Every structure is written in structure tokens, then in C-alpha cells.
Amino acid sequence: MTGARCTGVALLYSGRPDPRWAISARQVERLQDLWNRLPATVRVLAPAPLLGYRGAAVECSSGRRWWAYHGIAESKTGDTVPECRLDKGRDFEKAILATAPAGLVPEREMPPATHP
């Protein structure tokens, strides 16, 4: 994703803006490396609740979007079919949230290390 500008998003709220922050090229490279190590899966993202925590996402100006929630990570570019990976332990999800500036995402909103 050379040259793409990327933004992190913690999908937390209904009715007010979710926290958003810029992600550096170096952080995107780290996320890409972690993504590459995740095993492919036929499972898809679980439907997120209408209220409360719904995962973490990275949105890039290139059109690529990562979304991680409840043990599944998804990568999608534009109108392509999403590619899903198993995020056992939610390491990719937590890695996205870890790119946020300190204090932006409330600690109580961080996902637990549960296995799907």
C-alpha cells in the first residue's frame, strides 16, 4: 500500500462518531506482516451488535479496508470479494487498536483475548 494514507477506526458507538486516527506507513507495514501470518479461513465476520463494540478497522485511500472482530479478520478492496483470516486470540484486532494514540480508545472497550 505504498503511498496510501490509512486511518484506524474503533467501531464503538451508535449515534456519535467513532474514534479515528492516522496510521503511519510503518504501522501499516506491521499490520500487513501480521495479516500475512494469519491462516485463511472460510469463516466470515460475525454479525456485529447494533450497540457497543463492533471491532476495529483500517481504511486506506487505496480503497483497501481491514476489519477485525471476534476472531475473524477481513480484507477487502473496493467491490472485491472479502478475504477472511482466522484471528485466534484477536491479535490482529488488538494490533489495529494499538496504533491509536494513548487514551483515544477507552480501555474498557478493548477486546478480551477470547478464542472463537
Protein backbone atom coordinates (compact mmCIF):
# COMPACT_ATOMS: atom_id res chain seq x y z
CA MET A 1 0.00 0.00 0.00
CA THR A 2 2.79 2.33 -0.88
CA GLY A 3 1.66 5.94 -0.71
CA ALA A 4 -1.79 5.16 0.64
CA ARG A 5 -2.98 7.14 3.63
CA CYS A 6 -4.64 4.94 6.23
CA THR A 7 -6.96 5.67 9.12
CA GLY A 8 -7.71 3.46 12.10
CA VAL A 9 -11.24 3.24 13.45
CA ALA A 10 -12.53 1.74 16.69
CA LEU A 11 -16.13 0.80 15.98
CA LEU A 12 -17.65 1.67 19.35
CA TYR A 13 -20.61 3.95 19.18
CA SER A 14 -24.07 4.24 17.77
CA GLY A 15 -25.28 7.77 17.21
CA ARG A 16 -21.95 9.53 17.65
CA PRO A 17 -18.65 9.44 15.74
CA ASP A 18 -16.30 6.52 16.35
CA PRO A 19 -12.69 7.33 17.30
CA ARG A 20 -10.49 7.74 14.18
CA TRP A 21 -6.74 8.29 13.88
CA ALA A 22 -4.00 8.36 11.27
CA ILE A 23 -1.88 5.21 10.91
CA SER A 24 1.72 5.60 9.76
CA ALA A 25 3.18 3.70 6.80
CA ARG A 26 5.37 1.76 9.22
CA GLN A 27 2.35 0.71 11.30
CA VAL A 28 0.55 -0.38 8.11
CA GLU A 29 3.59 -2.49 7.18
CA ARG A 30 3.46 -4.18 10.58
CA LEU A 31 -0.24 -4.87 10.19
CA GLN A 32 0.39 -6.27 6.70
CA ASP A 33 3.09 -8.59 8.10
CA LEU A 34 0.73 -9.78 10.81
CA TRP A 35 -2.07 -10.23 8.26
CA ASN A 36 0.22 -12.36 6.07
CA ARG A 37 0.83 -14.72 9.01
CA LEU A 38 -2.88 -15.28 9.73
CA PRO A 39 -4.29 -18.54 8.34
CA ALA A 40 -7.00 -18.31 5.69
CA THR A 41 -10.50 -19.35 6.74
CA VAL A 42 -13.86 -19.90 5.14
CA ARG A 43 -15.50 -18.34 8.19
CA VAL A 44 -16.77 -14.80 7.77
CA LEU A 45 -17.15 -11.92 10.17
CA ALA A 46 -19.88 -12.48 12.73
CA PRO A 47 -22.74 -10.01 12.63
CA ALA A 48 -21.81 -7.19 14.99
CA PRO A 49 -24.32 -5.93 17.56
CA LEU A 50 -26.14 -2.69 16.82
CA LEU A 51 -24.88 -1.19 20.08
CA GLY A 52 -21.46 -1.39 21.68
CA TYR A 53 -18.12 -2.61 20.36
CA ARG A 54 -18.19 -3.82 16.74
CA GLY A 55 -14.50 -4.31 16.03
CA ALA A 56 -11.55 -2.37 14.68
CA ALA A 57 -10.89 -1.28 11.12
CA VAL A 58 -8.24 0.27 8.91
CA GLU A 59 -9.43 2.29 5.93
CA CYS A 60 -6.90 3.34 3.29
CA SER A 61 -7.05 5.86 0.47
CA SER A 62 -6.13 2.98 -1.88
CA GLY A 63 -9.61 1.54 -1.25
CA ARG A 64 -8.38 -1.28 0.95
CA ARG A 65 -10.17 -1.94 4.22
CA TRP A 66 -9.29 -4.32 7.01
CA TRP A 67 -11.87 -5.14 9.64
CA ALA A 68 -11.31 -7.42 12.62
CA TYR A 69 -13.92 -8.60 15.06
CA HIS A 70 -14.39 -11.57 17.36
CA GLY A 71 -11.60 -13.79 15.98
CA ILE A 72 -12.02 -13.12 12.26
CA ALA A 73 -10.15 -10.55 10.18
CA GLU A 74 -11.31 -9.42 6.76
CA SER A 75 -9.51 -7.64 3.94
CA LYS A 76 -11.44 -6.03 1.12
CA THR A 77 -10.52 -3.67 -1.68
CA GLY A 78 -13.31 -1.84 -3.42
CA ASP A 79 -16.01 -4.18 -4.67
CA THR A 80 -13.89 -7.34 -4.46
CA VAL A 81 -14.92 -10.42 -2.51
CA PRO A 82 -13.52 -10.13 1.03
CA GLU A 83 -10.64 -12.35 2.07
CA CYS A 84 -11.02 -13.71 5.61
CA ARG A 85 -8.37 -14.91 8.02
CA LEU A 86 -8.57 -16.57 11.41
CA ASP A 87 -7.50 -14.14 14.14
CA LYS A 88 -7.40 -16.59 17.02
CA GLY A 89 -6.52 -14.66 20.15
CA ARG A 90 -7.62 -11.47 18.35
CA ASP A 91 -4.01 -10.37 17.83
CA PHE A 92 -4.73 -8.55 14.54
CA GLU A 93 -7.74 -6.79 16.05
CA LYS A 94 -5.68 -5.68 19.04
CA ALA A 95 -2.79 -4.62 16.77
CA ILE A 96 -5.13 -2.24 14.92
CA LEU A 97 -6.34 -0.75 18.21
CA ALA A 98 -2.74 -0.47 19.45
CA THR A 99 -2.00 2.02 16.64
CA ALA A 100 -4.38 4.52 18.28
CA PRO A 101 -2.91 7.37 20.29
CA ALA A 102 -2.93 6.73 24.04
CA GLY A 103 -6.30 7.45 25.64
CA LEU A 104 -8.28 7.68 22.39
CA VAL A 105 -9.90 4.25 22.75
CA PRO A 106 -11.24 3.66 26.27
CA GLU A 107 -9.51 0.69 27.92
CA ARG A 108 -12.86 -0.86 28.78
CA GLU A 109 -13.61 -1.09 25.04
CA MET A 110 -10.56 -3.24 24.24
CA PRO A 111 -11.49 -6.79 23.22
CA PRO A 112 -10.64 -9.71 25.51
CA ALA A 113 -8.31 -12.46 24.30
CA THR A 114 -11.05 -14.98 23.65
CA HIS A 115 -10.97 -17.71 21.06
CA PRO A 116 -13.86 -18.00 18.61
